[in-house]
């Protein structure tokens, strides 16, 4: 596990070194060789971490770990804190705890640390964000919880978890994506790179449209970036068809028809001579008057 250098981001090793360790019912700060000892805790006295950032555990991977534990035992102890009634809550290592229960262990090796709820939340998140198997949405939710529940600014939180502020900001922005896209990220149908590109679109419908294309056509991040740039380009105004100047005959038609329709007549022509005549009438009387004029001139069939 990579160590992180600042704040609680020192990593779990540093947190463990500050802990008070118990062996059985006695406090034990180390053996004669200066090595830290662990306590064997009854597994039924341990309960999951209510602040666990990780929401899903792969059952197949748990079963594999369980088989390994059955054969050689649990190599890396979990970290817990004491709570009321002689019980303990997990700070880190819930996956190992679940696999140990599955393997039928009655006790489990553990480091014991006294800490309050905020401290537990911070340690659980710091330990988890250093893992590679958390999905980006779980990390983003963890960051937001740490900010809200521990009243931290984005800058202070970036120091806690040992990550650049820009990295933290990019994770938090994922929570602005539509729920459907967040689920696709959790399901590993979209990558972090895809998600960052989608954030360049303002309209959620556009984001969903491109997200579906990514899944259907297996688009690369570069493909998505290109599509997003194109969608964000200003759309040119629709060019109007050029209207050419009317001839004397056109004006004669407009003037003649206008006598019968209160001058509600317009005519357009293009450079090739094609066009249209629009007549707007307000009553049947106007139509009757016009047809009488046509009858007189023998123009109607």
Protein backbone atom coordinates (compact mmCIF):
# COMPACT_ATOMS: atom_id res chain seq x y z
CA UNK A 1 0.00 0.00 0.00
CA UNK A 2 1.48 3.34 -1.02
CA UNK A 3 2.19 5.76 1.77
CA UNK A 4 0.94 9.32 1.58
CA UNK A 5 2.93 12.04 3.21
CA UNK A 6 0.65 14.71 4.71
CA UNK A 7 -2.04 14.82 7.42
CA UNK A 8 -4.04 11.66 7.79
CA UNK A 9 -2.70 10.84 4.35
CA UNK A 10 0.41 9.54 6.11
CA UNK A 11 -1.09 6.15 5.38
CA UNK A 12 -2.45 3.41 7.56
CA UNK A 13 0.99 2.34 8.78
CA UNK A 14 1.45 5.71 10.46
CA UNK A 15 -2.05 5.55 11.95
CA UNK A 16 -1.37 2.09 13.30
CA UNK A 17 1.86 3.24 14.90
CA UNK A 18 -0.16 5.75 16.95
CA UNK A 19 -2.65 3.12 18.10
CA UNK A 20 -2.90 1.43 21.47
CA UNK A 21 -2.59 -2.30 20.92
CA UNK A 22 -4.15 -4.95 23.10
CA UNK A 23 -3.22 -8.55 23.57
CA UNK A 24 -6.07 -10.52 25.05
CA UNK A 25 -7.43 -8.24 27.76
CA UNK A 26 -4.06 -6.58 28.49
CA UNK A 27 -2.60 -3.46 26.85
CA UNK A 28 0.52 -4.36 24.94
CA UNK A 29 2.70 -1.72 23.21
CA UNK A 30 5.17 -4.24 21.78
CA UNK A 31 7.23 -7.29 22.54
CA UNK A 32 10.79 -7.49 23.74
CA UNK A 33 12.10 -7.18 20.19
CA UNK A 34 10.26 -3.88 19.73
CA UNK A 35 7.77 -5.38 17.28
CA UNK A 36 4.11 -4.38 17.62
CA UNK A 37 1.69 -7.12 18.68
CA UNK A 38 -1.90 -7.67 17.65
CA UNK A 39 -4.91 -8.89 19.59
CA UNK A 40 -6.98 -11.95 18.69
CA UNK A 41 -10.56 -10.67 18.88
CA UNK A 42 -13.67 -12.83 18.75
CA UNK A 43 -15.15 -12.22 15.33
CA UNK A 44 -18.71 -12.07 16.74
CA UNK A 45 -17.72 -9.02 18.79
CA UNK A 46 -16.77 -7.08 15.66
CA UNK A 47 -19.23 -5.12 13.53
CA UNK A 48 -18.81 -3.46 10.11
CA UNK A 49 -17.76 0.15 9.70
CA UNK A 50 -20.84 2.41 9.34
CA UNK A 51 -18.59 4.89 7.49
CA UNK A 52 -17.28 2.33 5.00
CA UNK A 53 -16.78 4.18 1.69
CA UNK A 54 -16.87 0.91 -0.23
CA UNK A 55 -20.46 -0.13 -0.97
CA UNK A 56 -19.99 -3.32 -2.99
CA UNK A 57 -17.85 -6.41 -2.43
CA UNK A 58 -17.20 -8.91 -5.20
CA UNK A 59 -18.53 -12.25 -3.96
CA UNK A 60 -16.19 -14.35 -6.10
CA UNK A 61 -13.14 -12.42 -4.84
CA UNK A 62 -14.37 -12.83 -1.24
CA UNK A 63 -14.65 -16.58 -1.71
CA UNK A 64 -11.13 -16.76 -3.14
CA UNK A 65 -9.75 -14.82 -0.16
CA UNK A 66 -11.79 -17.01 2.19
CA UNK A 67 -10.20 -20.16 0.76
CA UNK A 68 -6.75 -18.63 1.19
CA UNK A 69 -7.52 -17.69 4.81
CA UNK A 70 -8.77 -21.24 5.48
CA UNK A 71 -5.43 -22.61 4.32
CA UNK A 72 -2.87 -20.16 5.75
CA UNK A 73 -4.84 -17.84 8.05
CA UNK A 74 -5.22 -14.06 7.89
CA UNK A 75 -1.79 -12.53 7.28
CA UNK A 76 -2.67 -8.82 7.51
CA UNK A 77 -4.63 -7.85 10.66
CA UNK A 78 -7.64 -5.58 10.42
CA UNK A 79 -7.86 -2.30 12.37
CA UNK A 80 -10.74 -1.76 14.81
CA UNK A 81 -11.90 0.62 17.54
CA UNK A 82 -13.65 -0.20 20.81
CA UNK A 83 -17.33 0.75 21.19
CA UNK A 84 -19.91 0.21 23.97
CA UNK A 85 -20.70 -3.22 25.34
CA UNK A 86 -17.26 -4.74 24.79
CA UNK A 87 -17.72 -4.65 21.04
CA UNK A 88 -15.58 -3.26 18.23
CA UNK A 89 -16.12 -1.49 14.92
CA UNK A 90 -13.93 -1.93 11.87
CA UNK A 91 -11.81 1.04 10.85
CA UNK A 92 -10.21 -0.77 7.92
CA UNK A 93 -10.20 -4.32 6.61
CA UNK A 94 -13.89 -5.07 6.13
CA UNK A 95 -13.15 -7.28 3.12
CA UNK A 96 -10.71 -9.36 5.20
CA UNK A 97 -13.30 -9.48 8.01
CA UNK A 98 -16.03 -10.74 5.68
CA UNK A 99 -13.74 -13.36 4.14
CA UNK A 100 -12.68 -14.52 7.62
CA UNK A 101 -16.31 -14.99 8.64
CA UNK A 102 -16.89 -16.90 5.42
CA UNK A 103 -13.91 -19.10 6.27
CA UNK A 104 -15.46 -19.88 9.65
CA UNK A 105 -12.82 -18.20 11.83
CA UNK A 106 -13.86 -17.63 15.46
CA UNK A 107 -11.19 -15.01 16.16
CA UNK A 108 -9.32 -12.55 13.98
CA UNK A 109 -6.06 -10.64 14.51
CA UNK A 110 -6.61 -6.91 14.89
CA UNK A 111 -4.94 -3.63 15.75
CA UNK A 112 -7.08 -1.62 18.19
CA UNK A 113 -7.24 2.16 18.05
CA UNK A 114 -9.23 4.61 20.16
CA UNK A 115 -10.84 7.23 17.97
CA UNK A 116 -14.08 9.22 17.67
CA UNK A 117 -16.56 9.11 14.77
CA UNK A 118 -14.82 11.84 12.76
CA UNK A 119 -11.45 10.19 13.23
CA UNK A 120 -12.88 6.85 12.20
CA UNK A 121 -14.46 8.36 9.09
CA UNK A 122 -11.21 10.04 8.11
CA UNK A 123 -9.11 6.92 8.64
CA UNK A 124 -11.58 4.71 6.79
CA UNK A 125 -11.65 7.05 3.79
CA UNK A 126 -7.89 7.60 3.72
CA UNK A 127 -7.26 3.86 3.84
CA UNK A 128 -9.81 3.14 1.15
CA UNK A 129 -8.85 5.82 -1.36
CA UNK A 130 -5.33 4.38 -1.40
CA UNK A 131 -6.76 1.13 -2.74
CA UNK A 132 -7.04 0.50 -6.46
CA UNK A 133 -10.32 -1.42 -6.38
CA UNK A 134 -12.61 1.44 -5.35
CA UNK A 135 -14.58 2.78 -8.30
CA UNK A 136 -14.41 6.54 -9.04
CA UNK A 137 -17.95 7.18 -7.78
CA UNK A 138 -17.20 5.53 -4.43
CA UNK A 139 -14.11 7.72 -4.12
CA UNK A 140 -16.10 10.84 -5.03
CA UNK A 141 -18.82 10.04 -2.46
CA UNK A 142 -16.11 9.42 0.15
CA UNK A 143 -14.52 12.80 -0.55
CA UNK A 144 -17.86 14.58 -0.29
CA UNK A 145 -18.68 12.84 3.00
CA UNK A 146 -15.30 13.79 4.42
CA UNK A 147 -15.87 17.43 3.48
CA UNK A 148 -19.44 17.60 4.76
CA UNK A 149 -19.18 15.54 7.95
CA UNK A 150 -15.76 16.82 9.03
CA UNK A 151 -16.42 20.38 7.85
CA UNK A 152 -13.37 20.50 5.59
CA UNK A 153 -12.61 22.74 2.64
CA UNK A 154 -11.57 21.11 -0.62
CA UNK A 155 -7.98 22.22 -0.01
CA UNK A 156 -7.90 20.83 3.56
CA UNK A 157 -9.38 17.56 2.38
CA UNK A 158 -6.81 17.20 -0.40
CA UNK A 159 -4.12 17.46 2.29
CA UNK A 160 -5.88 14.81 4.40
CA UNK A 161 -5.97 12.24 1.61
CA UNK A 162 -2.62 13.19 0.13
CA UNK A 163 -3.95 13.98 -3.34
CA UNK A 164 -3.67 17.10 -5.48
CA UNK A 165 -6.54 19.54 -5.16
CA UNK A 166 -7.25 19.25 -8.91
CA UNK A 167 -7.55 15.46 -8.55
CA UNK A 168 -10.02 15.82 -5.70
CA UNK A 169 -12.01 18.41 -7.68
CA UNK A 170 -12.21 16.07 -10.70
CA UNK A 171 -13.61 13.27 -8.54
CA UNK A 172 -16.19 15.57 -6.92
CA UNK A 173 -17.34 16.79 -10.34
CA UNK A 174 -18.38 13.23 -11.20
CA UNK A 175 -21.28 13.63 -8.78
CA UNK A 176 -22.71 16.31 -11.10
CA UNK A 177 -23.22 13.72 -13.84
CA UNK A 178 -26.68 12.16 -14.37
CA UNK A 179 -27.37 9.11 -12.20
CA UNK A 180 -27.40 6.81 -15.25
CA UNK A 181 -23.84 7.81 -16.12
CA UNK A 182 -22.68 7.40 -12.51
CA UNK A 183 -24.07 3.85 -12.54
CA UNK A 184 -22.25 3.14 -15.82
CA UNK A 185 -19.00 4.32 -14.23
CA UNK A 186 -19.58 2.04 -11.23
CA UNK A 187 -20.25 -0.84 -13.62
CA UNK A 188 -16.94 -0.06 -15.40
CA UNK A 189 -18.73 0.64 -18.68
CA UNK A 190 -17.25 4.15 -18.67
CA UNK A 191 -13.78 5.17 -17.50
CA UNK A 192 -12.73 8.20 -15.48
CA UNK A 193 -11.35 9.68 -18.72
CA UNK A 194 -14.71 9.25 -20.46
CA UNK A 195 -16.48 10.88 -17.51
CA UNK A 196 -14.15 13.91 -17.48
CA UNK A 197 -14.81 14.42 -21.19
CA UNK A 198 -18.60 14.21 -20.71
CA UNK A 199 -18.38 16.96 -18.07
CA UNK A 200 -17.46 19.31 -20.91
CA UNK A 201 -21.08 19.19 -22.11
CA UNK A 202 -23.67 21.42 -20.46
CA UNK A 203 -26.82 19.56 -21.45
CA UNK A 204 -27.58 16.29 -19.61
CA UNK A 205 -29.33 14.89 -22.71
CA UNK A 206 -26.13 15.40 -24.70
CA UNK A 207 -24.12 13.70 -21.94
CA UNK A 208 -26.44 10.68 -21.97
CA UNK A 209 -26.39 10.53 -25.78
CA UNK A 210 -22.58 10.41 -25.90
CA UNK A 211 -22.41 8.01 -22.93
CA UNK A 212 -24.63 5.54 -24.81
CA UNK A 213 -22.43 5.89 -27.89
CA UNK A 214 -19.34 5.13 -25.79
CA UNK A 215 -20.93 1.90 -24.58
CA UNK A 216 -22.38 0.89 -27.96
CA UNK A 217 -19.33 1.69 -30.10
CA UNK A 218 -16.54 1.32 -27.54
CA UNK A 219 -15.35 4.89 -28.17
CA UNK A 220 -11.94 5.90 -26.88
CA UNK A 221 -11.45 8.94 -24.65
CA UNK A 222 -9.91 10.77 -27.61
CA UNK A 223 -13.00 10.00 -29.74
CA UNK A 224 -15.24 11.39 -27.01
CA UNK A 225 -13.15 14.54 -26.62
CA UNK A 226 -13.44 15.17 -30.37
CA UNK A 227 -17.22 14.71 -30.30
CA UNK A 228 -17.57 17.01 -27.29
CA UNK A 229 -15.50 19.72 -29.01
CA UNK A 230 -17.65 19.45 -32.11
CA UNK A 231 -20.89 19.66 -30.09
CA UNK A 232 -19.60 22.75 -28.31
CA UNK A 233 -18.71 24.59 -31.52
CA UNK A 234 -21.01 27.57 -32.23
CA UNK A 235 -23.58 26.57 -34.79
CA UNK A 236 -23.54 28.83 -37.86
CA UNK A 237 -26.71 30.79 -38.50
CA UNK A 238 -28.84 29.22 -41.19
CA UNK A 239 -28.18 31.00 -44.45
CA UNK A 240 -31.30 32.56 -45.92
CA UNK A 241 -32.07 31.95 -49.56
CA UNK A 242 -31.19 35.00 -51.55
CA UNK A 243 -34.27 36.87 -52.82
CA UNK A 244 -33.76 38.53 -56.17
CA UNK A 245 -35.24 41.83 -57.23
CA UNK A 246 -38.72 41.63 -58.77
CA UNK A 247 -39.37 42.52 -62.42
CA UNK A 248 -42.08 44.83 -63.76
CA UNK A 249 -44.34 41.85 -64.47
CA UNK A 250 -44.02 40.64 -60.88
CA UNK A 251 -45.07 44.06 -59.59
CA UNK A 252 -48.07 44.06 -61.94
CA UNK A 253 -49.22 40.70 -60.51
CA UNK A 254 -48.87 41.94 -56.91
CA UNK A 255 -50.70 45.17 -57.71
CA UNK A 256 -53.55 43.44 -59.58
CA UNK A 257 -54.14 40.75 -56.96
CA UNK A 258 -53.82 43.31 -54.20
CA UNK A 259 -56.97 45.06 -55.38
CA UNK A 260 -59.02 42.04 -54.34
CA UNK A 261 -57.13 41.08 -51.17
CA UNK A 262 -56.40 44.44 -49.49
CA UNK A 263 -52.81 44.31 -50.71
CA UNK A 264 -52.11 41.15 -48.63
CA UNK A 265 -50.08 39.67 -51.48
CA UNK A 266 -46.36 38.94 -51.54
CA UNK A 267 -44.10 37.44 -54.17
CA UNK A 268 -40.54 36.06 -54.02
CA UNK A 269 -38.18 34.84 -56.72
CA UNK A 270 -34.65 33.47 -56.70
CA UNK A 271 -31.81 33.99 -59.14
CA UNK A 272 -33.15 31.20 -61.35
CA UNK A 273 -36.59 32.79 -61.67
CA UNK A 274 -38.32 30.28 -59.37
CA UNK A 275 -40.38 31.56 -56.49
CA UNK A 276 -43.75 31.77 -54.82
CA UNK A 277 -46.83 33.99 -54.57
CA UNK A 278 -48.54 34.23 -51.19
CA UNK A 279 -52.12 35.51 -50.91
CA UNK A 280 -53.69 36.10 -47.52
CA UNK A 281 -57.44 36.60 -47.50
CA UNK A 282 -59.68 37.63 -44.61
CA UNK A 283 -63.14 36.54 -45.80
CA UNK A 284 -65.12 34.55 -48.34
CA UNK A 285 -66.22 37.85 -49.90
CA UNK A 286 -62.66 38.52 -51.05
CA UNK A 287 -62.51 35.12 -52.73
CA UNK A 288 -65.96 35.64 -54.35
CA UNK A 289 -64.94 39.06 -55.63
CA UNK A 290 -61.75 37.65 -57.12
CA UNK A 291 -63.50 34.72 -58.85
CA UNK A 292 -66.10 37.09 -60.38
CA UNK A 293 -63.26 39.10 -61.87
CA UNK A 294 -61.75 35.91 -63.27
CA UNK A 295 -65.14 34.89 -64.75
CA UNK A 296 -65.44 38.17 -66.55
CA UNK A 297 -62.08 37.62 -68.14
CA UNK A 298 -62.92 33.99 -68.97
CA UNK A 299 -59.87 32.87 -66.95
CA UNK A 300 -61.60 30.14 -64.92
CA UNK A 301 -62.34 26.72 -66.43
